[in-house]
Amino acid sequence: MAILVSLNILFKKHITMKKLIFSFIAVATAILSSCNNDDIPTVQNEGDKTRAIETVDYLNITYKGITYKNVPTTYDENGDFIFLDNEFSTVYQNELANDYDWSISAKDSYNITFYPSLESNLKSNRLTVIEDANSSTKSILKQLTRSASDSLAVLTLYDDKYYKDRSLTFGLFENRLSLAVANLKDKSFKFNDKCSSLIIKNNFPDDPDHYFTLGVDNCPYSKIEAVFVGYDDRNFSDRTITGIAVANSIKKYATLPGFNDKLSSFKFLLARKGQYHDDINS
């Protein structure tokens, strides 16, 4: 009888301990789930399902002369903008979301200006651009084998943000003042919808007393800028983003607002700071 009583007591203690363990696990799981759900911001998609936002950037955005500061920004699965504020998100949805001609002038990765077109972008920046007629893939690849030490300007595209992963480097030289890649999907590059950061280096000295022949003009070194124009689609079509390095400078873009993993073609060229004309659109 004493043995049976002891066994019964042990059994009850075992059950009680088991219940305590399960209760502890349940409480811990609930706390962790609550923390995870509260700490990760979400947005609503078209199917009324939520998805986690991995990163939120805060951009200073200028549009039609108005600057919207610290606009919380993320991107959808296609890399298109999602603005999480109330003010600029309304402007974007009403005026820009369905416009495939707008152009971004990126001062850096967090300060951008929207323009209605690439032409108005370049005109606002007072750039006169000169393009070579021949920018074949073969001639571009030949330039890639040259040393960067004698280049007038250098562009490096990176596969990932913050200058990481695979990269491609392109140079401008005295016998090639511009280049144009119509399709980054080309087997020679295999970089379509890959680029997420870039660096532009302008090797011209900041010297107003020495001149370089750009097109038909003699330009002071200090007035020559290296200009990158990226296109959302191949053959230089769709929306654009521009980046500019002034004389004797290195311009870095750790991310490309609105264009991460979206570039399909680009132009890289020298431009004179001065009165605009539209050679780039010819």
C-alpha atoms as a PDB file:
ATOM      1  CA  MET A   1       0.000   0.000   0.000  1.00  0.00           C
ATOM      2  CA  ALA A   2       2.818   2.399   0.922  1.00  0.00           C
ATOM      3  CA  ILE A   3       4.479   1.637  -2.414  1.00  0.00           C
ATOM      4  CA  LEU A   4       1.273   2.482  -4.337  1.00  0.00           C
ATOM      5  CA  VAL A   5       0.902   5.790  -2.464  1.00  0.00           C
ATOM      6  CA  SER A   6       4.510   6.722  -3.258  1.00  0.00           C
ATOM      7  CA  LEU A   7       4.071   5.897  -6.940  1.00  0.00           C
ATOM      8  CA  ASN A   8       0.872   7.952  -7.068  1.00  0.00           C
ATOM      9  CA  ILE A   9       2.675  10.938  -5.529  1.00  0.00           C
ATOM     10  CA  LEU A  10       5.547  10.639  -7.988  1.00  0.00           C
ATOM     11  CA  PHE A  11       3.120  10.372 -10.913  1.00  0.00           C
ATOM     12  CA  LYS A  12       1.275  13.519  -9.790  1.00  0.00           C
ATOM     13  CA  LYS A  13       4.589  15.389  -9.419  1.00  0.00           C
ATOM     14  CA  HIS A  14       5.609  14.265 -12.929  1.00  0.00           C
ATOM     15  CA  ILE A  15       2.332  15.533 -14.399  1.00  0.00           C
ATOM     16  CA  THR A  16       2.644  18.839 -12.543  1.00  0.00           C
ATOM     17  CA  MET A  17       6.234  19.328 -13.728  1.00  0.00           C
ATOM     18  CA  LYS A  18       5.231  18.486 -17.306  1.00  0.00           C
ATOM     19  CA  LYS A  19       2.432  21.060 -17.173  1.00  0.00           C
ATOM     20  CA  LEU A  20       4.848  23.676 -15.841  1.00  0.00           C
ATOM     21  CA  ILE A  21       7.307  22.990 -18.670  1.00  0.00           C
ATOM     22  CA  PHE A  22       4.595  23.227 -21.347  1.00  0.00           C
ATOM     23  CA  SER A  23       3.272  26.433 -19.765  1.00  0.00           C
ATOM     24  CA  PHE A  24       6.744  27.973 -19.795  1.00  0.00           C
ATOM     25  CA  ILE A  25       7.276  27.054 -23.458  1.00  0.00           C
ATOM     26  CA  ALA A  26       3.892  28.518 -24.413  1.00  0.00           C
ATOM     27  CA  VAL A  27       4.578  31.812 -22.612  1.00  0.00           C
ATOM     28  CA  ALA A  28       8.082  32.109 -24.118  1.00  0.00           C
ATOM     29  CA  THR A  29       6.767  31.445 -27.625  1.00  0.00           C
ATOM     30  CA  ALA A  30       4.044  34.066 -27.210  1.00  0.00           C
ATOM     31  CA  ILE A  31       6.569  36.674 -26.038  1.00  0.00           C
ATOM     32  CA  LEU A  32       8.958  35.982 -28.928  1.00  0.00           C
ATOM     33  CA  SER A  33       6.151  36.075 -31.479  1.00  0.00           C
ATOM     34  CA  SER A  34       4.897  39.358 -30.074  1.00  0.00           C
ATOM     35  CA  CYS A  35       8.367  40.909 -30.262  1.00  0.00           C
ATOM     36  CA  ASN A  36       8.945  39.736 -33.829  1.00  0.00           C
ATOM     37  CA  ASN A  37       5.612  41.074 -35.049  1.00  0.00           C
ATOM     38  CA  ASP A  38       5.983  44.403 -33.274  1.00  0.00           C
ATOM     39  CA  ASP A  39       9.583  45.073 -34.289  1.00  0.00           C
ATOM     40  CA  ILE A  40       9.249  44.483 -38.050  1.00  0.00           C
ATOM     41  CA  PRO A  41       7.302  47.180 -39.950  1.00  0.00           C
ATOM     42  CA  THR A  42       4.838  45.951 -42.547  1.00  0.00           C
ATOM     43  CA  VAL A  43       3.008  47.353 -45.555  1.00  0.00           C
ATOM     44  CA  GLN A  44      -0.216  46.241 -47.151  1.00  0.00           C
ATOM     45  CA  ASN A  45      -0.017  44.759 -50.622  1.00  0.00           C
ATOM     46  CA  GLU A  46      -2.768  44.490 -53.231  1.00  0.00           C
ATOM     47  CA  GLY A  47      -3.951  41.133 -51.949  1.00  0.00           C
ATOM     48  CA  ASP A  48      -4.470  42.439 -48.390  1.00  0.00           C
ATOM     49  CA  LYS A  49      -1.547  40.340 -47.201  1.00  0.00           C
ATOM     50  CA  THR A  50       1.300  41.889 -45.263  1.00  0.00           C
ATOM     51  CA  ARG A  51       4.988  41.475 -45.910  1.00  0.00           C
ATOM     52  CA  ALA A  52       7.966  42.497 -43.817  1.00  0.00           C
ATOM     53  CA  ILE A  53      10.029  45.503 -44.868  1.00  0.00           C
ATOM     54  CA  GLU A  54      13.660  44.488 -44.654  1.00  0.00           C
ATOM     55  CA  THR A  55      15.065  48.023 -44.787  1.00  0.00           C
ATOM     56  CA  VAL A  56      13.672  51.533 -44.746  1.00  0.00           C
ATOM     57  CA  ASP A  57      15.714  54.399 -46.209  1.00  0.00           C
ATOM     58  CA  TYR A  58      15.036  58.033 -45.350  1.00  0.00           C
ATOM     59  CA  LEU A  59      15.329  60.199 -48.455  1.00  0.00           C
ATOM     60  CA  ASN A  60      15.326  63.940 -48.981  1.00  0.00           C
ATOM     61  CA  ILE A  61      13.288  64.314 -52.162  1.00  0.00           C
ATOM     62  CA  THR A  62      12.927  67.474 -54.237  1.00  0.00           C
ATOM     63  CA  TYR A  63      10.081  67.725 -56.741  1.00  0.00           C
ATOM     64  CA  LYS A  64       8.756  70.861 -58.457  1.00  0.00           C
ATOM     65  CA  GLY A  65      10.859  73.052 -56.204  1.00  0.00           C
ATOM     66  CA  ILE A  66       9.559  71.533 -52.953  1.00  0.00           C
ATOM     67  CA  THR A  67      11.840  69.416 -50.755  1.00  0.00           C
ATOM     68  CA  TYR A  68      10.291  66.623 -48.694  1.00  0.00           C
ATOM     69  CA  LYS A  69      12.682  65.724 -45.892  1.00  0.00           C
ATOM     70  CA  ASN A  70      13.336  62.296 -44.386  1.00  0.00           C
ATOM     71  CA  VAL A  71      10.719  60.477 -46.440  1.00  0.00           C
ATOM     72  CA  PRO A  72      10.630  56.826 -45.240  1.00  0.00           C
ATOM     73  CA  THR A  73      11.153  54.732 -48.356  1.00  0.00           C
ATOM     74  CA  THR A  74      11.207  51.062 -49.235  1.00  0.00           C
ATOM     75  CA  TYR A  75      10.656  49.055 -52.421  1.00  0.00           C
ATOM     76  CA  ASP A  76       8.291  46.431 -53.773  1.00  0.00           C
ATOM     77  CA  GLU A  77       9.324  43.084 -55.282  1.00  0.00           C
ATOM     78  CA  ASN A  78      10.081  44.828 -58.599  1.00  0.00           C
ATOM     79  CA  GLY A  79      12.344  47.408 -56.969  1.00  0.00           C
ATOM     80  CA  ASP A  80       9.813  50.236 -57.423  1.00  0.00           C
ATOM     81  CA  PHE A  81       9.363  52.941 -54.801  1.00  0.00           C
ATOM     82  CA  ILE A  82       7.032  52.590 -51.828  1.00  0.00           C
ATOM     83  CA  PHE A  83       6.878  55.845 -49.847  1.00  0.00           C
ATOM     84  CA  LEU A  84       5.628  55.354 -46.302  1.00  0.00           C
ATOM     85  CA  ASP A  85       4.763  58.961 -45.455  1.00  0.00           C
ATOM     86  CA  ASN A  86       1.447  60.696 -46.073  1.00  0.00           C
ATOM     87  CA  GLU A  87       2.607  63.736 -48.026  1.00  0.00           C
ATOM     88  CA  PHE A  88       5.044  62.703 -50.752  1.00  0.00           C
ATOM     89  CA  SER A  89       3.457  59.262 -51.205  1.00  0.00           C
ATOM     90  CA  THR A  90       0.275  61.046 -52.324  1.00  0.00           C
ATOM     91  CA  VAL A  91       2.219  63.278 -54.726  1.00  0.00           C
ATOM     92  CA  TYR A  92       4.055  60.277 -56.165  1.00  0.00           C
ATOM     93  CA  GLN A  93       0.899  58.213 -56.667  1.00  0.00           C
ATOM     94  CA  ASN A  94      -0.935  61.099 -58.324  1.00  0.00           C
ATOM     95  CA  GLU A  95       1.841  62.415 -60.553  1.00  0.00           C
ATOM     96  CA  LEU A  96       4.751  60.002 -60.946  1.00  0.00           C
ATOM     97  CA  ALA A  97       3.823  56.371 -60.285  1.00  0.00           C
ATOM     98  CA  ASN A  98       2.414  55.822 -63.785  1.00  0.00           C
ATOM     99  CA  ASP A  99       4.890  58.089 -65.580  1.00  0.00           C
ATOM    100  CA  TYR A 100       7.695  56.182 -67.321  1.00  0.00           C
ATOM    101  CA  ASP A 101       9.646  59.237 -68.465  1.00  0.00           C
ATOM    102  CA  TRP A 102      10.676  60.750 -65.150  1.00  0.00           C
ATOM    103  CA  SER A 103      14.346  61.172 -64.340  1.00  0.00           C
ATOM    104  CA  ILE A 104      16.188  61.284 -61.015  1.00  0.00           C
ATOM    105  CA  SER A 105      19.227  63.455 -60.387  1.00  0.00           C
ATOM    106  CA  ALA A 106      21.032  61.803 -57.469  1.00  0.00           C
ATOM    107  CA  LYS A 107      23.224  64.130 -55.414  1.00  0.00           C
ATOM    108  CA  ASP A 108      24.046  61.045 -53.373  1.00  0.00           C
ATOM    109  CA  SER A 109      22.206  57.936 -52.176  1.00  0.00           C
ATOM    110  CA  TYR A 110      19.854  59.910 -49.914  1.00  0.00           C
ATOM    111  CA  ASN A 111      19.271  63.241 -51.691  1.00  0.00           C
ATOM    112  CA  ILE A 112      17.446  63.069 -55.009  1.00  0.00           C
ATOM    113  CA  THR A 113      15.471  65.329 -57.333  1.00  0.00           C
ATOM    114  CA  PHE A 114      12.668  64.158 -59.608  1.00  0.00           C
ATOM    115  CA  TYR A 115      12.370  65.707 -63.089  1.00  0.00           C
ATOM    116  CA  PRO A 116       9.700  65.034 -65.726  1.00  0.00           C
ATOM    117  CA  SER A 117      12.347  63.896 -68.245  1.00  0.00           C
ATOM    118  CA  LEU A 118      16.064  63.289 -68.761  1.00  0.00           C
ATOM    119  CA  GLU A 119      16.194  66.426 -70.900  1.00  0.00           C
ATOM    120  CA  SER A 120      14.869  68.613 -68.077  1.00  0.00           C
ATOM    121  CA  ASN A 121      17.237  66.884 -65.643  1.00  0.00           C
ATOM    122  CA  LEU A 122      20.329  67.716 -67.700  1.00  0.00           C
ATOM    123  CA  LYS A 123      19.066  71.182 -68.513  1.00  0.00           C
ATOM    124  CA  SER A 124      18.532  71.969 -64.837  1.00  0.00           C
ATOM    125  CA  ASN A 125      22.102  70.824 -64.116  1.00  0.00           C
ATOM    126  CA  ARG A 126      23.351  73.060 -66.983  1.00  0.00           C
ATOM    127  CA  LEU A 127      25.202  70.259 -68.749  1.00  0.00           C
ATOM    128  CA  THR A 128      26.391  70.230 -72.336  1.00  0.00           C
ATOM    129  CA  VAL A 129      27.109  66.602 -73.180  1.00  0.00           C
ATOM    130  CA  ILE A 130      29.174  65.220 -76.047  1.00  0.00           C
ATOM    131  CA  GLU A 131      28.790  61.665 -77.304  1.00  0.00           C
ATOM    132  CA  ASP A 132      30.975  59.617 -79.637  1.00  0.00           C
ATOM    133  CA  ALA A 133      29.143  58.067 -82.549  1.00  0.00           C
ATOM    134  CA  ASN A 134      30.660  54.601 -82.104  1.00  0.00           C
ATOM    135  CA  SER A 135      29.994  52.754 -78.854  1.00  0.00           C
ATOM    136  CA  SER A 136      29.976  49.146 -80.004  1.00  0.00           C
ATOM    137  CA  THR A 137      30.333  46.376 -77.435  1.00  0.00           C
ATOM    138  CA  LYS A 138      33.572  45.302 -79.095  1.00  0.00           C
ATOM    139  CA  SER A 139      35.132  48.734 -78.798  1.00  0.00           C
ATOM    140  CA  ILE A 140      33.973  49.083 -75.194  1.00  0.00           C
ATOM    141  CA  LEU A 141      35.465  45.720 -74.232  1.00  0.00           C
ATOM    142  CA  LYS A 142      38.734  46.762 -75.847  1.00  0.00           C
ATOM    143  CA  GLN A 143      38.795  49.832 -73.613  1.00  0.00           C
ATOM    144  CA  LEU A 144      38.184  47.683 -70.533  1.00  0.00           C
ATOM    145  CA  THR A 145      41.600  46.087 -71.032  1.00  0.00           C
ATOM    146  CA  ARG A 146      43.361  49.444 -70.818  1.00  0.00           C
ATOM    147  CA  SER A 147      44.985  50.713 -67.667  1.00  0.00           C
ATOM    148  CA  ALA A 148      42.881  53.120 -65.621  1.00  0.00           C
ATOM    149  CA  SER A 149      45.990  55.229 -64.999  1.00  0.00           C
ATOM    150  CA  ASP A 150      45.617  57.062 -68.312  1.00  0.00           C
ATOM    151  CA  SER A 151      41.838  57.423 -68.133  1.00  0.00           C
ATOM    152  CA  LEU A 152      40.034  60.749 -68.082  1.00  0.00           C
ATOM    153  CA  ALA A 153      37.193  59.277 -66.029  1.00  0.00           C
ATOM    154  CA  VAL A 154      36.294  55.875 -64.582  1.00  0.00           C
ATOM    155  CA  LEU A 155      32.936  54.266 -63.801  1.00  0.00           C
ATOM    156  CA  THR A 156      32.641  51.137 -61.638  1.00  0.00           C
ATOM    157  CA  LEU A 157      29.321  49.300 -61.305  1.00  0.00           C
ATOM    158  CA  TYR A 158      28.787  46.928 -58.357  1.00  0.00           C
ATOM    159  CA  ASP A 159      26.403  43.993 -58.100  1.00  0.00           C
ATOM    160  CA  ASP A 160      25.398  44.761 -54.512  1.00  0.00           C
ATOM    161  CA  LYS A 161      24.879  47.791 -52.307  1.00  0.00           C
ATOM    162  CA  TYR A 162      27.855  49.424 -50.601  1.00  0.00           C
ATOM    163  CA  TYR A 163      30.300  48.445 -53.375  1.00  0.00           C
ATOM    164  CA  LYS A 164      30.154  44.708 -52.769  1.00  0.00           C
ATOM    165  CA  ASP A 165      30.194  41.567 -54.900  1.00  0.00           C
ATOM    166  CA  ARG A 166      31.013  41.446 -58.613  1.00  0.00           C
ATOM    167  CA  SER A 167      31.958  44.678 -60.396  1.00  0.00           C
ATOM    168  CA  LEU A 168      32.491  46.079 -63.901  1.00  0.00           C
ATOM    169  CA  THR A 169      34.812  49.023 -64.605  1.00  0.00           C
ATOM    170  CA  PHE A 170      34.619  51.315 -67.643  1.00  0.00           C
ATOM    171  CA  GLY A 171      36.968  54.131 -68.638  1.00  0.00           C
ATOM    172  CA  LEU A 172      36.886  57.241 -70.816  1.00  0.00           C
ATOM    173  CA  PHE A 173      40.038  58.151 -72.721  1.00  0.00           C
ATOM    174  CA  GLU A 174      41.234  60.815 -75.136  1.00  0.00           C
ATOM    175  CA  ASN A 175      40.184  58.667 -78.097  1.00  0.00           C
ATOM    176  CA  ARG A 176      36.827  57.790 -76.482  1.00  0.00           C
ATOM    177  CA  LEU A 177      35.042  60.547 -74.626  1.00  0.00           C
ATOM    178  CA  SER A 178      31.826  58.614 -74.090  1.00  0.00           C
ATOM    179  CA  LEU A 179      30.457  55.105 -74.116  1.00  0.00           C
ATOM    180  CA  ALA A 180      26.982  53.607 -74.272  1.00  0.00           C
ATOM    181  CA  VAL A 181      25.950  50.078 -73.282  1.00  0.00           C
ATOM    182  CA  ALA A 182      22.564  49.321 -74.815  1.00  0.00           C
ATOM    183  CA  ASN A 183      21.974  45.994 -73.084  1.00  0.00           C
ATOM    184  CA  LEU A 184      23.661  44.888 -69.873  1.00  0.00           C
ATOM    185  CA  LYS A 185      22.177  41.441 -70.467  1.00  0.00           C
ATOM    186  CA  ASP A 186      24.711  40.973 -73.260  1.00  0.00           C
ATOM    187  CA  LYS A 187      26.882  37.915 -72.590  1.00  0.00           C
ATOM    188  CA  SER A 188      29.918  40.177 -72.523  1.00  0.00           C
ATOM    189  CA  PHE A 189      28.563  41.880 -69.375  1.00  0.00           C
ATOM    190  CA  LYS A 190      25.849  39.648 -67.826  1.00  0.00           C
ATOM    191  CA  PHE A 191      24.870  42.530 -65.564  1.00  0.00           C
ATOM    192  CA  ASN A 192      21.222  43.192 -66.393  1.00  0.00           C
ATOM    193  CA  ASP A 193      19.137  44.172 -63.337  1.00  0.00           C
ATOM    194  CA  LYS A 194      22.219  43.639 -61.173  1.00  0.00           C
ATOM    195  CA  CYS A 195      23.776  47.002 -60.323  1.00  0.00           C
ATOM    196  CA  SER A 196      22.984  48.397 -56.863  1.00  0.00           C
ATOM    197  CA  SER A 197      25.884  50.796 -56.246  1.00  0.00           C
ATOM    198  CA  LEU A 198      28.510  52.638 -58.279  1.00  0.00           C
ATOM    199  CA  ILE A 199      31.536  54.915 -58.144  1.00  0.00           C
ATOM    200  CA  ILE A 200      32.426  57.686 -60.612  1.00  0.00           C
ATOM    201  CA  LYS A 201      35.959  59.064 -60.684  1.00  0.00           C
ATOM    202  CA  ASN A 202      36.774  62.260 -62.586  1.00  0.00           C
ATOM    203  CA  ASN A 203      40.516  62.548 -63.201  1.00  0.00           C
ATOM    204  CA  PHE A 204      40.512  66.074 -64.661  1.00  0.00           C
ATOM    205  CA  PRO A 205      42.352  68.518 -62.366  1.00  0.00           C
ATOM    206  CA  ASP A 206      40.310  71.342 -60.880  1.00  0.00           C
ATOM    207  CA  ASP A 207      42.287  73.748 -63.037  1.00  0.00           C
ATOM    208  CA  PRO A 208      40.602  76.674 -64.850  1.00  0.00           C
ATOM    209  CA  ASP A 209      43.779  77.680 -66.735  1.00  0.00           C
ATOM    210  CA  HIS A 210      44.270  74.522 -68.805  1.00  0.00           C
ATOM    211  CA  TYR A 211      41.922  73.410 -71.566  1.00  0.00           C
ATOM    212  CA  PHE A 212      40.708  70.200 -73.154  1.00  0.00           C
ATOM    213  CA  THR A 213      38.942  69.859 -76.501  1.00  0.00           C
ATOM    214  CA  LEU A 214      35.451  68.536 -75.880  1.00  0.00           C
ATOM    215  CA  GLY A 215      33.461  68.316 -79.097  1.00  0.00           C
ATOM    216  CA  VAL A 216      34.222  71.552 -80.941  1.00  0.00           C
ATOM    217  CA  ASP A 217      34.954  73.565 -77.820  1.00  0.00           C
ATOM    218  CA  ASN A 218      38.034  74.083 -75.693  1.00  0.00           C
ATOM    219  CA  CYS A 219      36.882  73.585 -72.120  1.00  0.00           C
ATOM    220  CA  PRO A 220      38.683  74.463 -68.881  1.00  0.00           C
ATOM    221  CA  TYR A 221      39.589  71.319 -66.977  1.00  0.00           C
ATOM    222  CA  SER A 222      37.639  72.610 -63.990  1.00  0.00           C
ATOM    223  CA  LYS A 223      34.404  72.749 -66.030  1.00  0.00           C
ATOM    224  CA  ILE A 224      34.482  69.134 -67.281  1.00  0.00           C
ATOM    225  CA  GLU A 225      32.226  66.699 -65.434  1.00  0.00           C
ATOM    226  CA  ALA A 226      31.873  62.920 -65.689  1.00  0.00           C
ATOM    227  CA  VAL A 227      28.217  61.962 -66.096  1.00  0.00           C
ATOM    228  CA  PHE A 228      26.491  58.614 -65.632  1.00  0.00           C
ATOM    229  CA  VAL A 229      22.999  58.083 -67.059  1.00  0.00           C
ATOM    230  CA  GLY A 230      21.317  54.808 -66.088  1.00  0.00           C
ATOM    231  CA  TYR A 231      18.176  53.496 -67.798  1.00  0.00           C
ATOM    232  CA  ASP A 232      15.498  51.219 -66.399  1.00  0.00           C
ATOM    233  CA  ASP A 233      15.177  49.354 -69.711  1.00  0.00           C
ATOM    234  CA  ARG A 234      17.533  48.287 -72.485  1.00  0.00           C
ATOM    235  CA  ASN A 235      18.277  50.447 -75.529  1.00  0.00           C
ATOM    236  CA  PHE A 236      18.297  53.603 -73.408  1.00  0.00           C
ATOM    237  CA  SER A 237      14.590  53.662 -72.659  1.00  0.00           C
ATOM    238  CA  ASP A 238      12.229  54.122 -69.700  1.00  0.00           C
ATOM    239  CA  ARG A 239      13.038  55.995 -66.480  1.00  0.00           C
ATOM    240  CA  THR A 240      16.538  57.344 -65.815  1.00  0.00           C
ATOM    241  CA  ILE A 241      18.917  58.211 -62.996  1.00  0.00           C
ATOM    242  CA  THR A 242      21.955  60.480 -63.295  1.00  0.00           C
ATOM    243  CA  GLY A 243      25.131  60.763 -61.232  1.00  0.00           C
ATOM    244  CA  ILE A 244      27.811  63.416 -61.664  1.00  0.00           C
ATOM    245  CA  ALA A 245      31.444  63.724 -60.565  1.00  0.00           C
ATOM    246  CA  VAL A 246      32.972  67.183 -60.872  1.00  0.00           C
ATOM    247  CA  ALA A 247      36.635  67.736 -61.771  1.00  0.00           C
ATOM    248  CA  ASN A 248      39.184  66.057 -59.510  1.00  0.00           C
ATOM    249  CA  SER A 249      36.613  64.148 -57.460  1.00  0.00           C
ATOM    250  CA  ILE A 250      35.281  60.692 -56.682  1.00  0.00           C
ATOM    251  CA  LYS A 251      31.509  60.374 -56.411  1.00  0.00           C
ATOM    252  CA  LYS A 252      30.167  57.338 -54.564  1.00  0.00           C
ATOM    253  CA  TYR A 253      26.621  56.004 -54.594  1.00  0.00           C
ATOM    254  CA  ALA A 254      26.269  53.282 -51.960  1.00  0.00           C
ATOM    255  CA  THR A 255      22.730  52.593 -53.203  1.00  0.00           C
ATOM    256  CA  LEU A 256      20.742  53.719 -56.245  1.00  0.00           C
ATOM    257  CA  PRO A 257      17.355  55.088 -55.104  1.00  0.00           C
ATOM    258  CA  GLY A 258      14.637  53.576 -57.274  1.00  0.00           C
ATOM    259  CA  PHE A 259      17.169  51.703 -59.406  1.00  0.00           C
ATOM    260  CA  ASN A 260      18.703  48.978 -57.255  1.00  0.00           C
ATOM    261  CA  ASP A 261      18.794  45.794 -59.368  1.00  0.00           C
ATOM    262  CA  LYS A 262      16.955  47.604 -62.181  1.00  0.00           C
ATOM    263  CA  LEU A 263      19.553  49.030 -64.598  1.00  0.00           C
ATOM    264  CA  SER A 264      19.424  47.538 -68.095  1.00  0.00           C
ATOM    265  CA  SER A 265      21.453  50.086 -70.107  1.00  0.00           C
ATOM    266  CA  PHE A 266      23.575  53.152 -69.446  1.00  0.00           C
ATOM    267  CA  LYS A 267      25.682  55.954 -70.873  1.00  0.00           C
ATOM    268  CA  PHE A 268      28.908  57.316 -69.417  1.00  0.00           C
ATOM    269  CA  LEU A 269      30.323  60.509 -70.853  1.00  0.00           C
ATOM    270  CA  LEU A 270      32.034  63.816 -70.336  1.00  0.00           C
ATOM    271  CA  ALA A 271      30.036  67.013 -70.122  1.00  0.00           C
ATOM    272  CA  ARG A 272      30.847  70.674 -69.921  1.00  0.00           C
ATOM    273  CA  LYS A 273      29.249  72.637 -67.132  1.00  0.00           C
ATOM    274  CA  GLY A 274      27.502  75.423 -69.003  1.00  0.00           C
ATOM    275  CA  GLN A 275      24.645  76.012 -71.386  1.00  0.00           C
ATOM    276  CA  TYR A 276      22.631  72.867 -72.068  1.00  0.00           C
ATOM    277  CA  HIS A 277      21.978  71.272 -75.414  1.00  0.00           C
ATOM    278  CA  ASP A 278      20.430  67.885 -76.117  1.00  0.00           C
ATOM    279  CA  ASP A 279      23.124  65.845 -77.911  1.00  0.00           C
ATOM    280  CA  ILE A 280      22.465  63.006 -75.451  1.00  0.00           C
ATOM    281  CA  ASN A 281      18.981  62.462 -76.877  1.00  0.00           C
ATOM    282  CA  SER A 282      20.153  62.197 -80.484  1.00  0.00           C
END
